[in-house]
Every structure is written in structure tokens, then in C-alpha cells.
Amino acid sequence: MNTLEKISKNLNGFSKSERKVAEVILAAPQTAIHSSIAALAKLADVSEPTVNRFCRRLDTKGFPDFKLHLAQSLANGTPYVNRHVEESDGPDAYTSKIFETAMASLDTARNSLDATQINRAVDILTQANKISFFGLGASASVAHDATNKFFRFNVPVVFFEDVLMQRMSCINSAEGDVIVLISHTGRTKSLVELAQLARESGATVIAITSKDSPLAQEANLILAMDVPEDTDIYMPMASRLAQLCLVDVLATGFTLRRGPRFRDNLRKVKESLKQSRFNKAEYD
């Protein structure tokens, strides 16, 4: 997690005066990099010792070291690949960066989730007559994974990658049906249109997307996650993992809500698959 991400994540944990420093930096990080400690303290309306204390809270040695880390966090990395990976990185470096970034992003996403909204989503899903999972691009693979999870739950599940099929499915949906639309940015026009079509047909729309996005504004229920990844410039990585984890959360909530008798049905499904695999004991 880079310095800007650390500041954003820990914003509510700073003291009142330290938060003033944090907000000034988040609002204009380039200005902070080129400011003296006195200038930054004046901008934040705090003392210079407060700025130094803020810098040490972020595991830097002081203001000059903090500015160096801040500048590094603004580096562009490798465009269309990953913000944290440089073109000169070797296998050890980029492997470590990808895993560390993913773990930090998942932690940020988890802390940004609203448990009340998750509970409402589980309520809606367990009462659905039919559930559809739609996404495009990287989110399509997440929608496909969700279909594989919910398919075994003894409820009709629909998945299409083709946009025209998605549109027809939403038009043919009805009251009691649930459409789950997945988009990290929430700015994909086709998915926003799907939400509108589904709601016009009487279906309930759940959006796994960014808060206040166009898609979020069209959904009945929003499951918003804060994933610090700009997929307009970089390849979708951590955002996709966060979506997959949220699908697992919903699937878990679904099975727990249905109770022991429902889990007995899942046991039967598992047992029916045993013949499709080699016996594990033979390879121990």
C-alpha cells in the first residue's frame, strides 16, 4: 500500500489536527511534495511538530522522507499494466508487488463494505424466483463465477456474456427476479441500460460497483467497495479479486440463511461429484 492509500485508509484514525494535514495532502499531493514543512503546516492550519508527528505515524523518518514516499506513490508505474510495477522490475519484484497490492486492496475493500447492505442483499437473493449475474470484460468472469456458485443452490440462475442476450433477459424479467450487475467503475453504458430495463420490468437490481456511479444510481441496492485501482489506465487486478470475494460472501450468507436442510442438499451435490475425480487417498 503506497503512502496516499495509507493516508486514505487511516483517515478516521488520525487526531483532529493530523486529519487536517491528511486532508490537505489528499486534496493536492503535488503541492505537498513541493512545500516546505512550514508551508504545509500553514495550509493545514497546524503546527510544524504536528506535521512531523503525522509523518512518523506513516512510518517515515520525518518530513523529507515522507515527501519522498509521497512522490513515489504518485509514480505512474507501467501504463496499461499496473500502477505499482515499473518496467525495470524483475520477477521477484513484480510478483511481490502484485501479491502485496492485492492483499492491501482486499483489506481496504473489506473495511469499506456495509454489513447492513450485505444482509439486505442476502435477504433479496434468498427470496428470488430467479437470479441473473451480468458483467462485461473482467467483471464477466466474476459474473460467471457467481453463476457457478449459485447454480448449486436449487434456484434458477442465468448468465450471459453477450450484451444482446443480457438485454433480452432483463426485458423478460419480472417481479420477484433479481439481476446482479457487476462493474468496478459503474460507468459502462450497457450495464446502466440493463439496470434501467430490469427495473422497468419489475425486477430488483443489485449492483456490485463504485459508490455514486451511474450504475449505482440505477440500482435498487448497492454493494459498494472502495478498491484503489484505476482500470481506465491499468489492467483490472485487485478490483476483480475483491468482486470475487464479495460473491463468496453473498454465497455464504445465502447458504447460512437457508439453514441445515439446505446444506444437506449441498452435501448431496458434493457427493454426486465424487465419481468425476480420482480418489484423493490414492495420491496421499
Protein backbone atom coordinates (compact mmCIF):
# COMPACT_ATOMS: atom_id res chain seq x y z
CA MET A 1 0.00 0.00 0.00
CA ASN A 2 1.53 3.33 -1.02
CA THR A 3 1.56 6.50 1.08
CA LEU A 4 -1.59 8.05 -0.42
CA GLU A 5 -3.51 4.82 0.10
CA LYS A 6 -2.30 4.64 3.73
CA ILE A 7 -3.50 8.19 4.36
CA SER A 8 -6.93 7.46 2.84
CA LYS A 9 -7.34 4.21 4.72
CA ASN A 10 -6.35 5.65 8.12
CA LEU A 11 -8.11 9.00 7.74
CA ASN A 12 -10.58 8.34 10.56
CA GLY A 13 -7.80 7.15 12.87
CA PHE A 14 -5.84 10.42 12.88
CA SER A 15 -6.21 13.05 15.56
CA LYS A 16 -8.16 16.19 14.65
CA SER A 17 -5.02 18.17 13.81
CA GLU A 18 -3.38 15.25 11.96
CA ARG A 19 -6.52 14.83 9.90
CA LYS A 20 -6.21 18.45 8.76
CA VAL A 21 -2.75 17.61 7.40
CA ALA A 22 -4.08 14.45 5.74
CA GLU A 23 -6.93 16.29 4.02
CA VAL A 24 -4.61 18.97 2.65
CA ILE A 25 -2.28 16.29 1.24
CA LEU A 26 -5.11 14.24 -0.29
CA ALA A 27 -6.59 17.35 -1.90
CA ALA A 28 -3.30 18.40 -3.53
CA PRO A 29 -0.49 15.81 -3.18
CA GLN A 30 1.71 17.53 -5.79
CA THR A 31 1.57 20.76 -3.78
CA ALA A 32 2.56 18.88 -0.63
CA ILE A 33 5.59 17.36 -2.37
CA HIS A 34 6.93 20.81 -3.29
CA SER A 35 6.05 22.52 0.02
CA SER A 36 8.29 23.19 2.98
CA ILE A 37 7.14 21.88 6.35
CA ALA A 38 6.26 25.44 7.35
CA ALA A 39 4.17 25.96 4.20
CA LEU A 40 2.29 22.68 4.66
CA ALA A 41 1.65 23.46 8.33
CA LYS A 42 0.22 26.83 7.33
CA LEU A 43 -2.02 25.28 4.66
CA ALA A 44 -3.38 22.80 7.21
CA ASP A 45 -3.59 25.42 9.98
CA VAL A 46 -1.49 23.29 12.36
CA SER A 47 1.96 23.48 13.93
CA GLU A 48 5.15 22.12 12.35
CA PRO A 49 5.52 19.47 15.13
CA THR A 50 2.05 18.21 14.16
CA VAL A 51 3.21 17.73 10.56
CA ASN A 52 6.28 15.83 11.79
CA ARG A 53 4.12 13.68 14.07
CA PHE A 54 1.80 12.94 11.13
CA CYS A 55 4.77 11.86 9.00
CA ARG A 56 6.02 9.46 11.67
CA ARG A 57 2.53 7.98 12.00
CA LEU A 58 3.02 6.85 8.42
CA ASP A 59 6.29 5.04 9.25
CA THR A 60 8.56 7.66 7.68
CA LYS A 61 11.57 9.27 9.40
CA GLY A 62 10.31 12.81 9.07
CA PHE A 63 9.02 15.33 6.57
CA PRO A 64 11.75 14.93 3.89
CA ASP A 65 11.40 11.13 3.97
CA PHE A 66 7.61 11.48 3.86
CA LYS A 67 7.81 13.67 0.73
CA LEU A 68 9.99 11.04 -0.95
CA HIS A 69 7.44 8.31 -0.21
CA LEU A 70 4.60 10.57 -1.34
CA ALA A 71 6.36 11.25 -4.65
CA GLN A 72 6.86 7.52 -5.17
CA SER A 73 3.14 6.91 -4.59
CA LEU A 74 2.34 9.32 -7.41
CA ALA A 75 4.54 7.46 -9.88
CA ASN A 76 2.60 6.07 -12.82
CA GLY A 77 4.15 2.60 -12.78
CA THR A 78 3.66 0.84 -16.12
CA PRO A 79 0.66 2.22 -18.06
CA TYR A 80 -1.95 -0.39 -19.06
CA VAL A 81 -0.34 -2.93 -16.71
CA ASN A 82 -0.13 -1.92 -13.02
CA ARG A 83 0.45 1.34 -11.12
CA HIS A 84 2.85 -0.32 -8.68
CA VAL A 85 5.00 -2.17 -11.22
CA GLU A 86 7.88 -0.49 -13.01
CA GLU A 87 9.18 -1.61 -16.40
CA SER A 88 12.56 -2.37 -14.81
CA ASP A 89 11.09 -4.74 -12.19
CA GLY A 90 12.24 -8.35 -12.29
CA PRO A 91 10.14 -11.45 -11.48
CA ASP A 92 10.78 -11.25 -7.72
CA ALA A 93 9.84 -7.57 -7.58
CA TYR A 94 6.66 -7.63 -9.65
CA THR A 95 5.47 -10.90 -8.07
CA SER A 96 5.87 -9.39 -4.61
CA LYS A 97 4.22 -6.12 -5.63
CA ILE A 98 1.19 -7.82 -7.19
CA PHE A 99 0.56 -10.01 -4.13
CA GLU A 100 1.14 -7.20 -1.63
CA THR A 101 -1.09 -4.80 -3.56
CA ALA A 102 -3.83 -7.42 -3.82
CA MET A 103 -3.78 -8.15 -0.08
CA ALA A 104 -3.80 -4.45 0.83
CA SER A 105 -6.62 -3.74 -1.64
CA LEU A 106 -8.72 -6.61 -0.29
CA ASP A 107 -8.30 -5.25 3.23
CA THR A 108 -9.39 -1.79 2.08
CA ALA A 109 -12.38 -3.25 0.23
CA ARG A 110 -13.44 -5.32 3.25
CA ASN A 111 -13.35 -2.29 5.55
CA SER A 112 -15.44 -0.25 3.12
CA LEU A 113 -18.30 -2.77 2.92
CA ASP A 114 -21.60 -2.08 4.67
CA ALA A 115 -22.74 -5.20 6.56
CA THR A 116 -26.32 -3.90 6.58
CA GLN A 117 -26.35 -3.77 2.79
CA ILE A 118 -24.87 -7.27 2.58
CA ASN A 119 -27.62 -8.54 4.88
CA ARG A 120 -30.27 -6.89 2.68
CA ALA A 121 -28.71 -8.42 -0.44
CA VAL A 122 -28.80 -11.89 1.14
CA ASP A 123 -32.47 -11.35 2.05
CA ILE A 124 -33.29 -10.42 -1.55
CA LEU A 125 -31.31 -13.30 -3.06
CA THR A 126 -32.81 -15.97 -0.80
CA GLN A 127 -36.32 -14.84 -1.78
CA ALA A 128 -35.63 -14.57 -5.52
CA ASN A 129 -37.60 -16.56 -8.10
CA LYS A 130 -34.64 -16.28 -10.48
CA ILE A 131 -31.16 -14.75 -10.19
CA SER A 132 -29.17 -13.34 -13.12
CA PHE A 133 -25.49 -12.35 -12.97
CA PHE A 134 -24.23 -10.00 -15.66
CA GLY A 135 -20.91 -8.23 -16.21
CA LEU A 136 -18.67 -7.23 -19.10
CA GLY A 137 -14.91 -7.53 -19.60
CA ALA A 138 -13.12 -8.55 -16.40
CA SER A 139 -16.40 -8.42 -14.48
CA ALA A 140 -17.90 -11.05 -16.81
CA SER A 141 -15.58 -13.68 -15.33
CA VAL A 142 -16.80 -12.67 -11.86
CA ALA A 143 -20.43 -13.00 -13.00
CA HIS A 144 -19.61 -16.43 -14.42
CA ASP A 145 -18.04 -17.49 -11.11
CA ALA A 146 -21.14 -16.27 -9.25
CA THR A 147 -23.29 -18.39 -11.57
CA ASN A 148 -21.20 -21.47 -10.77
CA LYS A 149 -21.64 -20.79 -7.04
CA PHE A 150 -25.39 -20.14 -7.07
CA PHE A 151 -26.23 -22.81 -9.65
CA ARG A 152 -25.92 -25.49 -6.95
CA PHE A 153 -28.35 -23.66 -4.66
CA ASN A 154 -31.51 -25.09 -6.25
CA VAL A 155 -32.67 -21.74 -7.65
CA PRO A 156 -32.82 -20.80 -11.38
CA VAL A 157 -29.66 -18.89 -12.33
CA VAL A 158 -28.97 -17.02 -15.57
CA PHE A 159 -25.66 -15.87 -17.08
CA PHE A 160 -24.90 -14.39 -20.50
CA GLU A 161 -21.77 -12.65 -21.78
CA ASP A 162 -23.49 -11.41 -24.93
CA VAL A 163 -24.95 -7.91 -24.43
CA LEU A 164 -27.99 -8.59 -26.61
CA MET A 165 -28.84 -11.72 -24.63
CA GLN A 166 -28.42 -9.73 -21.42
CA ARG A 167 -30.82 -7.08 -22.69
CA MET A 168 -33.46 -9.63 -23.71
CA SER A 169 -33.11 -11.38 -20.37
CA CYS A 170 -33.67 -8.11 -18.48
CA ILE A 171 -36.66 -7.22 -20.65
CA ASN A 172 -38.17 -10.66 -19.95
CA SER A 173 -37.54 -10.47 -16.19
CA ALA A 174 -40.41 -9.94 -13.78
CA GLU A 175 -41.27 -9.06 -10.21
CA GLY A 176 -39.50 -11.49 -7.89
CA ASP A 177 -36.49 -11.82 -10.21
CA VAL A 178 -33.10 -10.43 -9.15
CA ILE A 179 -30.50 -9.04 -11.56
CA VAL A 180 -26.98 -8.71 -10.14
CA LEU A 181 -24.85 -6.32 -12.22
CA ILE A 182 -21.10 -6.23 -11.65
CA SER A 183 -18.89 -3.30 -12.69
CA HIS A 184 -15.88 -1.82 -10.88
CA THR A 185 -16.28 1.65 -12.39
CA GLY A 186 -20.07 1.60 -12.72
CA ARG A 187 -19.66 3.71 -15.86
CA THR A 188 -20.23 1.04 -18.52
CA LYS A 189 -23.19 2.34 -20.52
CA SER A 190 -24.56 -1.10 -21.45
CA LEU A 191 -24.79 -2.18 -17.81
CA VAL A 192 -26.51 1.05 -16.80
CA GLU A 193 -29.06 0.41 -19.56
CA LEU A 194 -29.53 -3.17 -18.28
CA ALA A 195 -30.34 -1.82 -14.82
CA GLN A 196 -32.96 0.50 -16.33
CA LEU A 197 -34.53 -2.31 -18.41
CA ALA A 198 -34.63 -4.70 -15.46
CA ARG A 199 -36.28 -2.18 -13.16
CA GLU A 200 -38.84 -1.26 -15.83
CA SER A 201 -39.71 -4.98 -15.97
CA GLY A 202 -40.25 -5.11 -12.21
CA ALA A 203 -37.05 -6.97 -11.28
CA THR A 204 -34.82 -5.99 -8.37
CA VAL A 205 -31.34 -4.80 -9.34
CA ILE A 206 -28.33 -5.36 -7.09
CA ALA A 207 -25.17 -3.53 -8.24
CA ILE A 208 -21.66 -4.53 -7.16
CA THR A 209 -19.96 -1.30 -8.15
CA SER A 210 -18.44 2.00 -7.09
CA LYS A 211 -20.39 4.33 -4.83
CA ASP A 212 -22.26 7.18 -6.58
CA SER A 213 -21.52 5.74 -10.04
CA PRO A 214 -24.15 5.88 -12.83
CA LEU A 215 -24.84 2.17 -12.27
CA ALA A 216 -25.25 2.68 -8.52
CA GLN A 217 -27.82 5.39 -9.18
CA GLU A 218 -29.96 2.98 -11.23
CA ALA A 219 -29.83 0.04 -8.77
CA ASN A 220 -32.30 -0.90 -6.05
CA LEU A 221 -29.45 -1.99 -3.78
CA ILE A 222 -25.77 -1.06 -3.96
CA LEU A 223 -22.88 -3.15 -2.66
CA ALA A 224 -20.14 -0.54 -2.93
CA MET A 225 -16.48 -1.34 -2.36
CA ASP A 226 -13.53 1.03 -2.15
CA VAL A 227 -10.85 -0.62 -4.31
CA PRO A 228 -7.95 1.76 -5.12
CA GLU A 229 -7.46 0.71 -8.75
CA ASP A 230 -7.85 2.86 -11.86
CA THR A 231 -8.98 0.39 -14.51
CA ASP A 232 -9.23 3.19 -17.09
CA ILE A 233 -5.42 3.10 -17.26
CA TYR A 234 -4.33 -0.17 -15.68
CA MET A 235 -5.25 -3.82 -16.12
CA PRO A 236 -8.06 -4.93 -13.73
CA MET A 237 -6.44 -6.97 -10.96
CA ALA A 238 -7.31 -6.22 -7.33
CA SER A 239 -10.81 -4.98 -8.22
CA ARG A 240 -11.62 -8.35 -9.78
CA LEU A 241 -10.36 -10.20 -6.70
CA ALA A 242 -12.48 -8.01 -4.42
CA GLN A 243 -15.56 -8.75 -6.52
CA LEU A 244 -14.88 -12.49 -6.32
CA CYS A 245 -14.56 -12.28 -2.54
CA LEU A 246 -17.86 -10.41 -2.31
CA VAL A 247 -19.54 -13.14 -4.38
CA ASP A 248 -18.21 -15.67 -1.85
CA VAL A 249 -19.64 -13.53 0.98
CA LEU A 250 -23.08 -13.50 -0.66
CA ALA A 251 -22.97 -17.24 -1.39
CA THR A 252 -22.02 -17.95 2.23
CA GLY A 253 -24.80 -15.71 3.54
CA PHE A 254 -27.25 -17.45 1.20
CA THR A 255 -26.39 -20.95 2.48
CA LEU A 256 -26.44 -19.91 6.14
CA ARG A 257 -29.81 -18.19 5.72
CA ARG A 258 -31.35 -21.28 4.11
CA GLY A 259 -30.46 -23.43 7.14
CA PRO A 260 -29.24 -27.03 7.82
CA ARG A 261 -31.72 -28.77 5.48
CA PHE A 262 -30.47 -26.69 2.57
CA ARG A 263 -26.85 -27.52 3.40
CA ASP A 264 -27.80 -31.19 3.32
CA ASN A 265 -28.74 -30.66 -0.32
CA LEU A 266 -25.28 -29.15 -0.92
CA ARG A 267 -23.75 -32.27 0.63
CA LYS A 268 -25.64 -34.41 -1.89
CA VAL A 269 -24.34 -32.25 -4.73
CA LYS A 270 -20.77 -32.69 -3.48
CA GLU A 271 -21.20 -36.45 -3.17
CA SER A 272 -22.56 -36.65 -6.71
CA LEU A 273 -19.31 -35.12 -7.98
CA LYS A 274 -17.02 -37.63 -6.30
CA GLN A 275 -17.12 -40.04 -9.21
CA SER A 276 -15.75 -37.33 -11.52
CA ARG A 277 -12.45 -37.20 -9.64
CA PHE A 278 -9.61 -39.57 -8.83
CA ASN A 279 -9.62 -40.78 -5.25
CA LYS A 280 -7.56 -38.36 -3.15
CA ALA A 281 -6.33 -41.17 -0.87
CA GLU A 282 -4.52 -42.80 -3.81
CA TYR A 283 -2.19 -39.81 -4.06
CA ASP A 284 -1.52 -39.12 -0.35
